[in-house]
Amino acid sequence: MCLVGKPGSGKTALLRAIAAQLDLPCEVFSMAGMADGSAMGTSAQWATSRPSVPLQLVQRSGFANGLVVWDEIEKASDSRHNGSAFDALLPMLERSQAQAIRDPALEVAVDLSWISHFATANSVEGIPAPLRDRMRIIKMPEPTWQHIGPLSKQIIRDIARDRGIDERWYPPLADDEVDVIKEVWPGGSLRKLRRGIEGTLAAREAFMGQA
């Protein structure tokens, strides 16, 4: 599956949330600027050899059915000088081939057929046809101020997790706080919405410090 939408629309965050809801280990790998096939493993003959991204996820988590997000997939280079990032991905997306993929770092065939593959893109332009043919393309709707309620709850949970704080210390936004955020965020990038919420939480903390 490939989620296509504007930058900041929450594509990657949604896929992380899906993985968390399913209790699956997740790896987000940026494809932006990739100009070779190293994401699918590098040769054991190299001092810096490493397994493929999916196999690293299996090794780290101990689970064979993890979820890999190929982020900004359309921004990978189509160069084939040191192997193509796109060509390397193709067998991963075919279950029959993924059952016995030879990993260049281990030099043995490994079964990666239980890995779920997702991708994000700002546009389908730049994604080769063979890759698009193997993926279900889903248009990611752009969030608006009408979605502030559920979005803010998830963002507050993420902020609490990132800060290592129990989310119960951060109650949901009050109506007057939502009204303030609406004035600065009419919709669009969730990164801007997060900055607005972080500012609101900072204002809460400053007020509590003065109380």
N, C-alpha and C. Protein backbone atom coordinates (compact mmCIF):
# COMPACT_ATOMS: atom_id res chain seq x y z
N MET A 1 0.83 -1.18 0.00
CA MET A 1 0.00 0.00 0.00
C MET A 1 0.88 1.25 0.00
N CYS A 2 0.47 2.24 -0.77
CA CYS A 2 1.20 3.50 -0.83
C CYS A 2 0.23 4.63 -0.55
N LEU A 3 0.51 5.42 0.50
CA LEU A 3 -0.30 6.59 0.81
C LEU A 3 0.29 7.79 0.10
N VAL A 4 -0.55 8.47 -0.67
CA VAL A 4 -0.11 9.64 -1.45
C VAL A 4 -0.84 10.87 -0.95
N GLY A 5 -0.09 11.90 -0.59
CA GLY A 5 -0.71 13.12 -0.10
C GLY A 5 0.31 14.22 0.07
N LYS A 6 -0.16 15.41 0.41
CA LYS A 6 0.72 16.56 0.54
C LYS A 6 1.67 16.39 1.72
N PRO A 7 2.83 17.07 1.68
CA PRO A 7 3.76 16.99 2.82
C PRO A 7 3.07 17.43 4.11
N GLY A 8 3.32 16.68 5.18
CA GLY A 8 2.77 17.04 6.47
C GLY A 8 1.34 16.60 6.69
N SER A 9 0.78 15.83 5.77
CA SER A 9 -0.63 15.42 5.91
C SER A 9 -0.81 14.25 6.87
N GLY A 10 0.28 13.72 7.40
CA GLY A 10 0.17 12.68 8.42
C GLY A 10 0.28 11.26 7.90
N LYS A 11 0.85 11.08 6.72
CA LYS A 11 0.95 9.75 6.13
C LYS A 11 1.78 8.79 6.99
N THR A 12 2.99 9.24 7.32
CA THR A 12 3.88 8.39 8.10
C THR A 12 3.32 8.15 9.49
N ALA A 13 2.76 9.20 10.09
CA ALA A 13 2.18 9.06 11.43
C ALA A 13 1.03 8.05 11.43
N LEU A 14 0.23 8.06 10.37
CA LEU A 14 -0.88 7.12 10.27
C LEU A 14 -0.37 5.69 10.20
N LEU A 15 0.68 5.46 9.42
CA LEU A 15 1.21 4.11 9.29
C LEU A 15 1.86 3.64 10.59
N ARG A 16 2.51 4.55 11.30
CA ARG A 16 3.04 4.19 12.62
C ARG A 16 1.91 3.79 13.56
N ALA A 17 0.79 4.55 13.48
CA ALA A 17 -0.35 4.27 14.35
C ALA A 17 -0.97 2.91 14.01
N ILE A 18 -1.02 2.58 12.72
CA ILE A 18 -1.55 1.28 12.30
C ILE A 18 -0.68 0.16 12.88
N ALA A 19 0.64 0.33 12.79
CA ALA A 19 1.54 -0.68 13.32
C ALA A 19 1.36 -0.82 14.84
N ALA A 20 1.21 0.31 15.52
CA ALA A 20 1.03 0.27 16.97
C ALA A 20 -0.29 -0.40 17.33
N GLN A 21 -1.35 -0.11 16.57
CA GLN A 21 -2.66 -0.71 16.84
C GLN A 21 -2.62 -2.22 16.64
N LEU A 22 -1.84 -2.67 15.66
CA LEU A 22 -1.71 -4.10 15.39
C LEU A 22 -0.62 -4.75 16.23
N ASP A 23 0.07 -3.94 17.03
CA ASP A 23 1.15 -4.42 17.88
C ASP A 23 2.25 -5.08 17.05
N LEU A 24 2.61 -4.41 15.95
CA LEU A 24 3.65 -4.92 15.06
C LEU A 24 4.90 -4.05 15.16
N PRO A 25 6.08 -4.64 15.15
CA PRO A 25 7.30 -3.83 15.09
C PRO A 25 7.33 -3.07 13.77
N CYS A 26 7.80 -1.84 13.81
CA CYS A 26 7.74 -0.98 12.62
C CYS A 26 9.09 -0.32 12.38
N GLU A 27 9.47 -0.25 11.12
CA GLU A 27 10.69 0.45 10.70
C GLU A 27 10.32 1.45 9.61
N VAL A 28 10.63 2.73 9.83
CA VAL A 28 10.42 3.75 8.82
C VAL A 28 11.77 4.06 8.18
N PHE A 29 11.86 3.84 6.89
CA PHE A 29 13.13 4.03 6.17
C PHE A 29 12.94 5.09 5.10
N SER A 30 13.71 6.16 5.17
CA SER A 30 13.59 7.25 4.19
C SER A 30 14.25 6.85 2.87
N MET A 31 13.47 6.95 1.81
CA MET A 31 13.99 6.65 0.48
C MET A 31 14.51 7.91 -0.23
N ALA A 32 14.32 9.06 0.37
CA ALA A 32 14.73 10.32 -0.25
C ALA A 32 16.24 10.32 -0.50
N GLY A 33 16.61 10.48 -1.75
CA GLY A 33 18.03 10.55 -2.11
C GLY A 33 18.70 9.21 -2.28
N MET A 34 18.00 8.10 -2.04
CA MET A 34 18.62 6.78 -2.22
C MET A 34 19.04 6.61 -3.68
N ALA A 35 20.31 6.28 -3.88
CA ALA A 35 20.82 6.16 -5.25
C ALA A 35 21.41 4.79 -5.53
N ASP A 36 21.12 3.82 -4.67
CA ASP A 36 21.62 2.46 -4.89
C ASP A 36 20.67 1.47 -4.23
N GLY A 37 21.04 0.20 -4.26
CA GLY A 37 20.18 -0.83 -3.70
C GLY A 37 20.56 -1.25 -2.30
N SER A 38 21.27 -0.38 -1.56
CA SER A 38 21.81 -0.77 -0.24
C SER A 38 20.73 -1.04 0.79
N ALA A 39 19.52 -0.50 0.59
CA ALA A 39 18.44 -0.78 1.54
C ALA A 39 18.10 -2.26 1.56
N MET A 40 18.45 -2.96 0.49
CA MET A 40 18.17 -4.38 0.41
C MET A 40 19.39 -5.22 0.81
N GLY A 41 20.34 -4.58 1.51
CA GLY A 41 21.51 -5.28 2.00
C GLY A 41 22.75 -4.96 1.19
N THR A 42 23.90 -5.04 1.85
CA THR A 42 25.17 -4.79 1.17
C THR A 42 26.06 -6.02 1.29
N SER A 43 26.98 -6.15 0.37
CA SER A 43 27.78 -7.37 0.24
C SER A 43 28.62 -7.68 1.47
N ALA A 44 28.72 -8.97 1.76
CA ALA A 44 29.56 -9.44 2.87
C ALA A 44 31.03 -9.15 2.61
N GLN A 45 31.38 -8.83 1.37
CA GLN A 45 32.76 -8.53 1.02
C GLN A 45 33.17 -7.13 1.48
N TRP A 46 32.18 -6.31 1.88
CA TRP A 46 32.46 -4.95 2.31
C TRP A 46 32.62 -4.92 3.83
N ALA A 47 33.49 -4.05 4.30
CA ALA A 47 33.68 -3.90 5.75
C ALA A 47 32.42 -3.35 6.42
N THR A 48 31.61 -2.63 5.65
CA THR A 48 30.38 -2.02 6.21
C THR A 48 29.13 -2.81 5.82
N SER A 49 29.29 -4.10 5.55
CA SER A 49 28.16 -4.91 5.11
C SER A 49 27.06 -4.92 6.17
N ARG A 50 25.81 -4.96 5.70
CA ARG A 50 24.66 -5.04 6.62
C ARG A 50 23.51 -5.70 5.89
N PRO A 51 22.64 -6.39 6.64
CA PRO A 51 21.47 -7.04 6.03
C PRO A 51 20.49 -6.01 5.48
N SER A 52 19.49 -6.49 4.79
CA SER A 52 18.45 -5.61 4.26
C SER A 52 17.66 -4.99 5.39
N VAL A 53 16.99 -3.90 5.10
CA VAL A 53 16.18 -3.20 6.10
C VAL A 53 15.13 -4.13 6.71
N PRO A 54 14.36 -4.90 5.92
CA PRO A 54 13.40 -5.82 6.53
C PRO A 54 14.05 -6.86 7.44
N LEU A 55 15.20 -7.40 7.03
CA LEU A 55 15.86 -8.42 7.85
C LEU A 55 16.40 -7.80 9.14
N GLN A 56 16.87 -6.57 9.08
CA GLN A 56 17.31 -5.89 10.30
C GLN A 56 16.15 -5.74 11.28
N LEU A 57 14.96 -5.44 10.75
CA LEU A 57 13.77 -5.33 11.60
C LEU A 57 13.45 -6.67 12.27
N VAL A 58 13.55 -7.76 11.51
CA VAL A 58 13.30 -9.09 12.06
C VAL A 58 14.32 -9.41 13.16
N GLN A 59 15.60 -9.12 12.89
CA GLN A 59 16.65 -9.41 13.86
C GLN A 59 16.47 -8.60 15.14
N ARG A 60 16.10 -7.33 14.98
CA ARG A 60 15.98 -6.44 16.14
C ARG A 60 14.76 -6.77 16.99
N SER A 61 13.64 -7.10 16.35
CA SER A 61 12.38 -7.30 17.06
C SER A 61 12.15 -8.74 17.48
N GLY A 62 12.75 -9.68 16.72
CA GLY A 62 12.49 -11.09 16.99
C GLY A 62 11.19 -11.58 16.39
N PHE A 63 10.55 -10.74 15.56
CA PHE A 63 9.29 -11.11 14.91
C PHE A 63 9.48 -11.11 13.39
N ALA A 64 8.84 -12.07 12.73
CA ALA A 64 8.99 -12.19 11.28
C ALA A 64 7.97 -11.36 10.51
N ASN A 65 6.95 -10.86 11.22
CA ASN A 65 5.84 -10.18 10.52
C ASN A 65 5.80 -8.70 10.83
N GLY A 66 6.95 -8.03 10.78
CA GLY A 66 7.00 -6.59 11.03
C GLY A 66 6.45 -5.79 9.86
N LEU A 67 6.47 -4.48 10.05
CA LEU A 67 5.92 -3.55 9.06
C LEU A 67 7.02 -2.55 8.69
N VAL A 68 7.32 -2.46 7.40
CA VAL A 68 8.33 -1.52 6.90
C VAL A 68 7.62 -0.41 6.12
N VAL A 69 7.96 0.83 6.45
CA VAL A 69 7.43 1.99 5.74
C VAL A 69 8.55 2.59 4.90
N TRP A 70 8.39 2.53 3.59
CA TRP A 70 9.37 3.14 2.68
C TRP A 70 8.92 4.58 2.47
N ASP A 71 9.52 5.49 3.24
CA ASP A 71 9.06 6.87 3.30
C ASP A 71 9.58 7.69 2.11
N GLU A 72 8.70 8.51 1.56
CA GLU A 72 9.03 9.38 0.41
C GLU A 72 9.65 8.57 -0.72
N ILE A 73 8.96 7.53 -1.09
CA ILE A 73 9.50 6.57 -2.05
C ILE A 73 9.76 7.18 -3.42
N GLU A 74 8.99 8.20 -3.78
CA GLU A 74 9.15 8.79 -5.11
C GLU A 74 10.43 9.62 -5.22
N LYS A 75 11.09 9.90 -4.09
CA LYS A 75 12.29 10.74 -4.11
C LYS A 75 13.58 9.95 -4.24
N ALA A 76 13.47 8.63 -4.36
CA ALA A 76 14.67 7.82 -4.60
C ALA A 76 15.15 8.05 -6.02
N SER A 77 16.46 7.95 -6.21
CA SER A 77 17.04 8.13 -7.53
C SER A 77 16.80 6.90 -8.39
N ASP A 78 16.66 7.12 -9.70
CA ASP A 78 16.49 5.98 -10.62
C ASP A 78 17.84 5.51 -11.16
N SER A 79 18.92 5.97 -10.54
CA SER A 79 20.26 5.55 -10.97
C SER A 79 20.44 4.04 -10.75
N ARG A 80 21.20 3.42 -11.64
CA ARG A 80 21.52 1.99 -11.52
C ARG A 80 23.02 1.77 -11.39
N HIS A 81 23.75 2.82 -11.02
CA HIS A 81 25.21 2.72 -10.95
C HIS A 81 25.65 1.67 -9.94
N ASN A 82 25.06 1.68 -8.76
CA ASN A 82 25.37 0.68 -7.73
C ASN A 82 24.11 -0.10 -7.35
N GLY A 83 23.32 -0.41 -8.34
CA GLY A 83 22.06 -1.09 -8.09
C GLY A 83 20.95 -0.08 -7.90
N SER A 84 19.76 -0.43 -8.30
CA SER A 84 18.62 0.47 -8.22
C SER A 84 17.81 0.20 -6.96
N ALA A 85 17.47 1.29 -6.25
CA ALA A 85 16.64 1.16 -5.05
C ALA A 85 15.27 0.58 -5.42
N PHE A 86 14.74 1.00 -6.55
CA PHE A 86 13.43 0.52 -6.99
C PHE A 86 13.48 -0.96 -7.37
N ASP A 87 14.50 -1.33 -8.15
CA ASP A 87 14.61 -2.72 -8.58
C ASP A 87 14.81 -3.65 -7.38
N ALA A 88 15.55 -3.19 -6.38
CA ALA A 88 15.80 -4.01 -5.20
C ALA A 88 14.52 -4.27 -4.42
N LEU A 89 13.58 -3.32 -4.47
CA LEU A 89 12.33 -3.46 -3.74
C LEU A 89 11.38 -4.47 -4.37
N LEU A 90 11.42 -4.59 -5.68
CA LEU A 90 10.41 -5.36 -6.40
C LEU A 90 10.22 -6.79 -5.87
N PRO A 91 11.28 -7.58 -5.70
CA PRO A 91 11.05 -8.95 -5.20
C PRO A 91 10.50 -8.99 -3.79
N MET A 92 10.75 -7.94 -3.00
CA MET A 92 10.21 -7.89 -1.64
C MET A 92 8.69 -7.84 -1.63
N LEU A 93 8.13 -7.29 -2.70
CA LEU A 93 6.69 -7.07 -2.76
C LEU A 93 5.94 -8.24 -3.40
N GLU A 94 6.67 -9.25 -3.82
CA GLU A 94 6.06 -10.46 -4.38
C GLU A 94 6.25 -11.58 -3.36
N ARG A 95 5.17 -12.05 -2.76
CA ARG A 95 5.28 -13.03 -1.67
C ARG A 95 6.07 -14.28 -2.08
N SER A 96 5.84 -14.76 -3.28
CA SER A 96 6.52 -15.98 -3.71
C SER A 96 8.03 -15.77 -3.79
N GLN A 97 8.45 -14.59 -4.23
CA GLN A 97 9.88 -14.31 -4.31
C GLN A 97 10.46 -13.98 -2.94
N ALA A 98 9.66 -13.32 -2.11
CA ALA A 98 10.15 -12.92 -0.78
C ALA A 98 10.39 -14.11 0.14
N GLN A 99 9.86 -15.28 -0.23
CA GLN A 99 10.05 -16.46 0.61
C GLN A 99 11.50 -16.95 0.60
N ALA A 100 12.24 -16.56 -0.41
CA ALA A 100 13.64 -17.02 -0.50
C ALA A 100 14.47 -15.95 -1.20
N ILE A 101 14.73 -14.87 -0.48
CA ILE A 101 15.55 -13.79 -1.02
C ILE A 101 16.97 -13.93 -0.47
N ARG A 102 17.93 -13.93 -1.35
CA ARG A 102 19.31 -14.08 -0.92
C ARG A 102 19.81 -12.76 -0.36
N ASP A 103 20.17 -12.76 0.91
CA ASP A 103 20.67 -11.55 1.54
C ASP A 103 22.17 -11.44 1.26
N PRO A 104 22.63 -10.32 0.68
CA PRO A 104 24.05 -10.21 0.31
C PRO A 104 25.00 -10.15 1.49
N ALA A 105 24.50 -9.70 2.65
CA ALA A 105 25.38 -9.63 3.83
C ALA A 105 25.57 -11.00 4.47
N LEU A 106 24.50 -11.80 4.52
CA LEU A 106 24.58 -13.13 5.13
C LEU A 106 24.95 -14.20 4.13
N GLU A 107 24.74 -13.90 2.86
CA GLU A 107 25.02 -14.83 1.76
C GLU A 107 24.22 -16.12 1.89
N VAL A 108 22.99 -16.00 2.36
CA VAL A 108 22.06 -17.13 2.42
C VAL A 108 20.68 -16.62 2.04
N ALA A 109 19.79 -17.54 1.67
CA ALA A 109 18.41 -17.16 1.34
C ALA A 109 17.62 -17.02 2.64
N VAL A 110 16.84 -15.96 2.74
CA VAL A 110 16.02 -15.70 3.93
C VAL A 110 14.57 -15.55 3.52
N ASP A 111 13.67 -15.87 4.45
CA ASP A 111 12.23 -15.76 4.20
C ASP A 111 11.73 -14.44 4.79
N LEU A 112 11.39 -13.50 3.92
CA LEU A 112 10.86 -12.20 4.33
C LEU A 112 9.42 -12.02 3.86
N SER A 113 8.75 -13.15 3.61
CA SER A 113 7.42 -13.08 3.01
C SER A 113 6.35 -12.60 3.98
N TRP A 114 6.66 -12.56 5.29
CA TRP A 114 5.66 -12.12 6.26
C TRP A 114 5.76 -10.63 6.57
N ILE A 115 6.72 -9.97 5.99
CA ILE A 115 6.87 -8.53 6.19
C ILE A 115 5.78 -7.79 5.41
N SER A 116 5.14 -6.82 6.06
CA SER A 116 4.17 -5.95 5.38
C SER A 116 4.88 -4.69 4.92
N HIS A 117 4.66 -4.32 3.66
CA HIS A 117 5.33 -3.16 3.08
C HIS A 117 4.32 -2.05 2.81
N PHE A 118 4.64 -0.86 3.33
CA PHE A 118 3.87 0.34 3.06
C PHE A 118 4.82 1.40 2.51
N ALA A 119 4.26 2.37 1.83
CA ALA A 119 5.09 3.46 1.31
C ALA A 119 4.32 4.77 1.43
N THR A 120 5.06 5.87 1.44
CA THR A 120 4.44 7.19 1.39
C THR A 120 5.03 7.96 0.22
N ALA A 121 4.26 8.86 -0.32
CA ALA A 121 4.73 9.69 -1.43
C ALA A 121 3.89 10.96 -1.49
N ASN A 122 4.52 12.03 -1.95
CA ASN A 122 3.77 13.27 -2.16
C ASN A 122 3.05 13.24 -3.50
N SER A 123 3.57 12.41 -4.41
CA SER A 123 2.98 12.27 -5.74
C SER A 123 3.38 10.92 -6.31
N VAL A 124 2.54 10.37 -7.19
CA VAL A 124 2.90 9.09 -7.82
C VAL A 124 3.94 9.30 -8.91
N GLU A 125 4.12 10.55 -9.35
CA GLU A 125 5.14 10.83 -10.34
C GLU A 125 6.51 10.53 -9.73
N GLY A 126 7.31 9.81 -10.44
CA GLY A 126 8.62 9.41 -9.95
C GLY A 126 8.63 7.98 -9.46
N ILE A 127 7.45 7.40 -9.24
CA ILE A 127 7.39 5.99 -8.85
C ILE A 127 7.29 5.15 -10.12
N PRO A 128 8.25 4.28 -10.39
CA PRO A 128 8.22 3.49 -11.62
C PRO A 128 6.95 2.64 -11.72
N ALA A 129 6.50 2.42 -12.95
CA ALA A 129 5.27 1.66 -13.19
C ALA A 129 5.29 0.27 -12.56
N PRO A 130 6.40 -0.50 -12.64
CA PRO A 130 6.40 -1.83 -12.03
C PRO A 130 6.15 -1.78 -10.53
N LEU A 131 6.63 -0.73 -9.88
CA LEU A 131 6.43 -0.59 -8.44
C LEU A 131 4.99 -0.19 -8.14
N ARG A 132 4.45 0.73 -8.92
CA ARG A 132 3.04 1.15 -8.73
C ARG A 132 2.11 -0.04 -8.94
N ASP A 133 2.46 -0.90 -9.90
CA ASP A 133 1.62 -2.05 -10.21
C ASP A 133 1.52 -3.02 -9.04
N ARG A 134 2.51 -3.03 -8.18
CA ARG A 134 2.54 -3.95 -7.04
C ARG A 134 1.92 -3.33 -5.78
N MET A 135 1.50 -2.09 -5.87
CA MET A 135 0.99 -1.39 -4.70
C MET A 135 -0.44 -0.89 -4.92
N ARG A 136 -1.17 -0.84 -3.82
CA ARG A 136 -2.47 -0.21 -3.83
C ARG A 136 -2.27 1.26 -3.48
N ILE A 137 -2.59 2.15 -4.39
CA ILE A 137 -2.40 3.59 -4.19
C ILE A 137 -3.63 4.17 -3.52
N ILE A 138 -3.42 4.81 -2.36
CA ILE A 138 -4.52 5.42 -1.61
C ILE A 138 -4.23 6.90 -1.42
N LYS A 139 -5.18 7.74 -1.79
CA LYS A 139 -5.04 9.19 -1.63
C LYS A 139 -5.27 9.58 -0.18
N MET A 140 -4.32 10.25 0.40
CA MET A 140 -4.41 10.70 1.79
C MET A 140 -5.12 12.05 1.83
N PRO A 141 -6.30 12.14 2.45
CA PRO A 141 -7.00 13.43 2.50
C PRO A 141 -6.24 14.44 3.34
N GLU A 142 -6.36 15.71 2.98
CA GLU A 142 -5.69 16.76 3.74
C GLU A 142 -6.53 17.10 4.96
N PRO A 143 -5.93 17.09 6.16
CA PRO A 143 -6.70 17.40 7.37
C PRO A 143 -7.13 18.85 7.41
N THR A 144 -8.27 19.12 8.05
CA THR A 144 -8.78 20.47 8.21
C THR A 144 -9.01 20.73 9.69
N TRP A 145 -9.39 21.97 10.03
CA TRP A 145 -9.61 22.32 11.44
C TRP A 145 -10.73 21.48 12.05
N GLN A 146 -11.61 20.93 11.22
CA GLN A 146 -12.69 20.09 11.74
C GLN A 146 -12.17 18.80 12.36
N HIS A 147 -10.93 18.45 12.03
CA HIS A 147 -10.34 17.21 12.55
C HIS A 147 -9.46 17.46 13.77
N ILE A 148 -9.46 18.69 14.29
CA ILE A 148 -8.56 19.02 15.39
C ILE A 148 -8.77 18.09 16.59
N GLY A 149 -10.02 17.77 16.91
CA GLY A 149 -10.31 16.95 18.09
C GLY A 149 -9.53 15.65 18.12
N PRO A 150 -9.79 14.72 17.19
CA PRO A 150 -9.07 13.44 17.22
C PRO A 150 -7.58 13.58 16.92
N LEU A 151 -7.23 14.54 16.06
CA LEU A 151 -5.81 14.71 15.74
C LEU A 151 -5.03 15.19 16.95
N SER A 152 -5.61 16.13 17.70
CA SER A 152 -4.91 16.67 18.85
C SER A 152 -4.68 15.60 19.92
N LYS A 153 -5.64 14.69 20.08
CA LYS A 153 -5.48 13.63 21.07
C LYS A 153 -4.29 12.75 20.72
N GLN A 154 -4.16 12.39 19.44
CA GLN A 154 -3.04 11.55 19.02
C GLN A 154 -1.73 12.30 19.15
N ILE A 155 -1.73 13.58 18.77
CA ILE A 155 -0.50 14.37 18.84
C ILE A 155 -0.05 14.53 20.29
N ILE A 156 -1.00 14.77 21.19
CA ILE A 156 -0.66 14.91 22.61
C ILE A 156 -0.08 13.60 23.14
N ARG A 157 -0.64 12.46 22.71
CA ARG A 157 -0.08 11.17 23.12
C ARG A 157 1.35 11.02 22.61
N ASP A 158 1.58 11.45 21.36
CA ASP A 158 2.92 11.35 20.78
C ASP A 158 3.90 12.24 21.53
N ILE A 159 3.47 13.45 21.88
CA ILE A 159 4.34 14.37 22.61
C ILE A 159 4.70 13.78 23.97
N ALA A 160 3.71 13.24 24.66
CA ALA A 160 3.96 12.63 25.97
C ALA A 160 4.94 11.48 25.84
N ARG A 161 4.75 10.63 24.83
CA ARG A 161 5.66 9.49 24.62
C ARG A 161 7.07 9.98 24.33
N ASP A 162 7.19 10.98 23.45
CA ASP A 162 8.52 11.50 23.10
C ASP A 162 9.23 12.09 24.31
N ARG A 163 8.46 12.65 25.24
CA ARG A 163 9.06 13.27 26.42
C ARG A 163 9.18 12.30 27.59
N GLY A 164 8.69 11.07 27.40
CA GLY A 164 8.77 10.08 28.45
C GLY A 164 7.88 10.40 29.63
N ILE A 165 6.71 11.01 29.34
CA ILE A 165 5.77 11.43 30.37
C ILE A 165 4.46 10.66 30.21
N ASP A 166 3.84 10.28 31.30
CA ASP A 166 2.53 9.63 31.26
C ASP A 166 1.54 10.61 30.61
N GLU A 167 0.82 10.13 29.59
CA GLU A 167 -0.08 11.02 28.85
C GLU A 167 -1.20 11.60 29.71
N ARG A 168 -1.45 10.98 30.88
CA ARG A 168 -2.49 11.51 31.76
C ARG A 168 -2.13 12.87 32.34
N TRP A 169 -0.84 13.23 32.24
CA TRP A 169 -0.42 14.57 32.69
C TRP A 169 -0.83 15.64 31.68
N TYR A 170 -1.24 15.21 30.48
CA TYR A 170 -1.64 16.16 29.43
C TYR A 170 -3.11 15.94 29.09
N PRO A 171 -4.03 16.59 29.77
CA PRO A 171 -5.46 16.45 29.45
C PRO A 171 -5.75 16.93 28.03
N PRO A 172 -6.87 16.49 27.44
CA PRO A 172 -7.25 16.95 26.11
C PRO A 172 -7.39 18.47 26.06
N LEU A 173 -7.31 19.04 24.87
CA LEU A 173 -7.42 20.48 24.71
C LEU A 173 -8.80 20.97 25.17
N ALA A 174 -8.82 22.07 25.89
CA ALA A 174 -10.08 22.70 26.27
C ALA A 174 -10.64 23.46 25.08
N ASP A 175 -11.92 23.82 25.15
CA ASP A 175 -12.58 24.50 24.02
C ASP A 175 -11.88 25.81 23.67
N ASP A 176 -11.47 26.59 24.69
CA ASP A 176 -10.81 27.87 24.39
C ASP A 176 -9.44 27.64 23.75
N GLU A 177 -8.76 26.54 24.12
CA GLU A 177 -7.47 26.23 23.51
C GLU A 177 -7.65 25.82 22.05
N VAL A 178 -8.70 25.06 21.78
CA VAL A 178 -9.00 24.67 20.40
C VAL A 178 -9.28 25.90 19.56
N ASP A 179 -10.01 26.86 20.12
CA ASP A 179 -10.34 28.09 19.38
C ASP A 179 -9.08 28.87 19.01
N VAL A 180 -8.12 28.91 19.92
CA VAL A 180 -6.86 29.60 19.64
C VAL A 180 -6.10 28.90 18.53
N ILE A 181 -6.05 27.58 18.59
CA ILE A 181 -5.31 26.83 17.57
C ILE A 181 -5.97 26.97 16.20
N LYS A 182 -7.29 27.03 16.17
CA LYS A 182 -7.99 27.20 14.89
C LYS A 182 -7.56 28.48 14.18
N GLU A 183 -7.24 29.51 14.97
CA GLU A 183 -6.85 30.79 14.37
C GLU A 183 -5.51 30.71 13.66
N VAL A 184 -4.63 29.82 14.13
CA VAL A 184 -3.30 29.73 13.53
C VAL A 184 -3.15 28.51 12.62
N TRP A 185 -4.10 27.57 12.72
CA TRP A 185 -4.03 26.36 11.89
C TRP A 185 -5.39 26.08 11.26
N PRO A 186 -5.63 26.58 10.04
CA PRO A 186 -6.90 26.32 9.36
C PRO A 186 -6.99 24.92 8.77
N GLY A 187 -5.85 24.22 8.74
CA GLY A 187 -5.78 22.89 8.14
C GLY A 187 -4.44 22.73 7.45
N GLY A 188 -4.21 21.54 6.91
CA GLY A 188 -2.97 21.30 6.18
C GLY A 188 -1.96 20.50 6.98
N SER A 189 -0.73 21.00 7.04
CA SER A 189 0.37 20.26 7.63
C SER A 189 0.16 19.96 9.11
N LEU A 190 0.30 18.67 9.46
CA LEU A 190 0.19 18.28 10.86
C LEU A 190 1.42 18.72 11.65
N ARG A 191 2.51 19.00 10.96
CA ARG A 191 3.68 19.51 11.67
C ARG A 191 3.37 20.88 12.27
N LYS A 192 2.64 21.70 11.52
CA LYS A 192 2.25 23.02 12.04
C LYS A 192 1.26 22.86 13.19
N LEU A 193 0.36 21.89 13.07
CA LEU A 193 -0.60 21.66 14.15
C LEU A 193 0.15 21.22 15.40
N ARG A 194 1.12 20.36 15.25
CA ARG A 194 1.88 19.90 16.43
C ARG A 194 2.58 21.09 17.09
N ARG A 195 3.16 21.98 16.28
CA ARG A 195 3.83 23.14 16.87
C ARG A 195 2.85 23.99 17.67
N GLY A 196 1.62 24.13 17.15
CA GLY A 196 0.60 24.88 17.86
C GLY A 196 0.23 24.22 19.18
N ILE A 197 0.11 22.89 19.17
CA ILE A 197 -0.23 22.15 20.39
C ILE A 197 0.91 22.22 21.39
N GLU A 198 2.15 22.10 20.90
CA GLU A 198 3.30 22.21 21.80
C GLU A 198 3.33 23.58 22.47
N GLY A 199 2.97 24.63 21.70
CA GLY A 199 2.90 25.96 22.28
C GLY A 199 1.82 26.06 23.34
N THR A 200 0.70 25.41 23.10
CA THR A 200 -0.41 25.40 24.07
C THR A 200 0.01 24.70 25.36
N LEU A 201 0.68 23.55 25.22
CA LEU A 201 1.14 22.83 26.40
C LEU A 201 2.17 23.64 27.18
N ALA A 202 3.03 24.35 26.45
CA ALA A 202 4.03 25.20 27.11
C ALA A 202 3.34 26.32 27.89
N ALA A 203 2.28 26.88 27.31
CA ALA A 203 1.54 27.94 27.99
C ALA A 203 0.87 27.40 29.26
N ARG A 204 0.36 26.19 29.18
CA ARG A 204 -0.24 25.55 30.37
C ARG A 204 0.80 25.44 31.49
N GLU A 205 1.99 24.94 31.11
CA GLU A 205 3.02 24.72 32.11
C GLU A 205 3.47 26.04 32.73
N ALA A 206 3.55 27.09 31.90
CA ALA A 206 3.96 28.40 32.42
C ALA A 206 2.91 28.92 33.40
N PHE A 207 1.64 28.73 33.05
CA PHE A 207 0.54 29.18 33.95
C PHE A 207 0.57 28.42 35.26
N MET A 208 0.79 27.09 35.18
CA MET A 208 0.84 26.29 36.39
C MET A 208 2.01 26.70 37.28
N GLY A 209 3.10 27.11 36.63
CA GLY A 209 4.26 27.53 37.39
C GLY A 209 4.03 28.82 38.15
N GLN A 210 3.10 29.64 37.63
CA GLN A 210 2.81 30.91 38.29
C GLN A 210 1.70 30.78 39.34
N ALA A 211 0.96 29.66 39.25
CA ALA A 211 -0.18 29.49 40.17
C ALA A 211 0.28 29.21 41.59
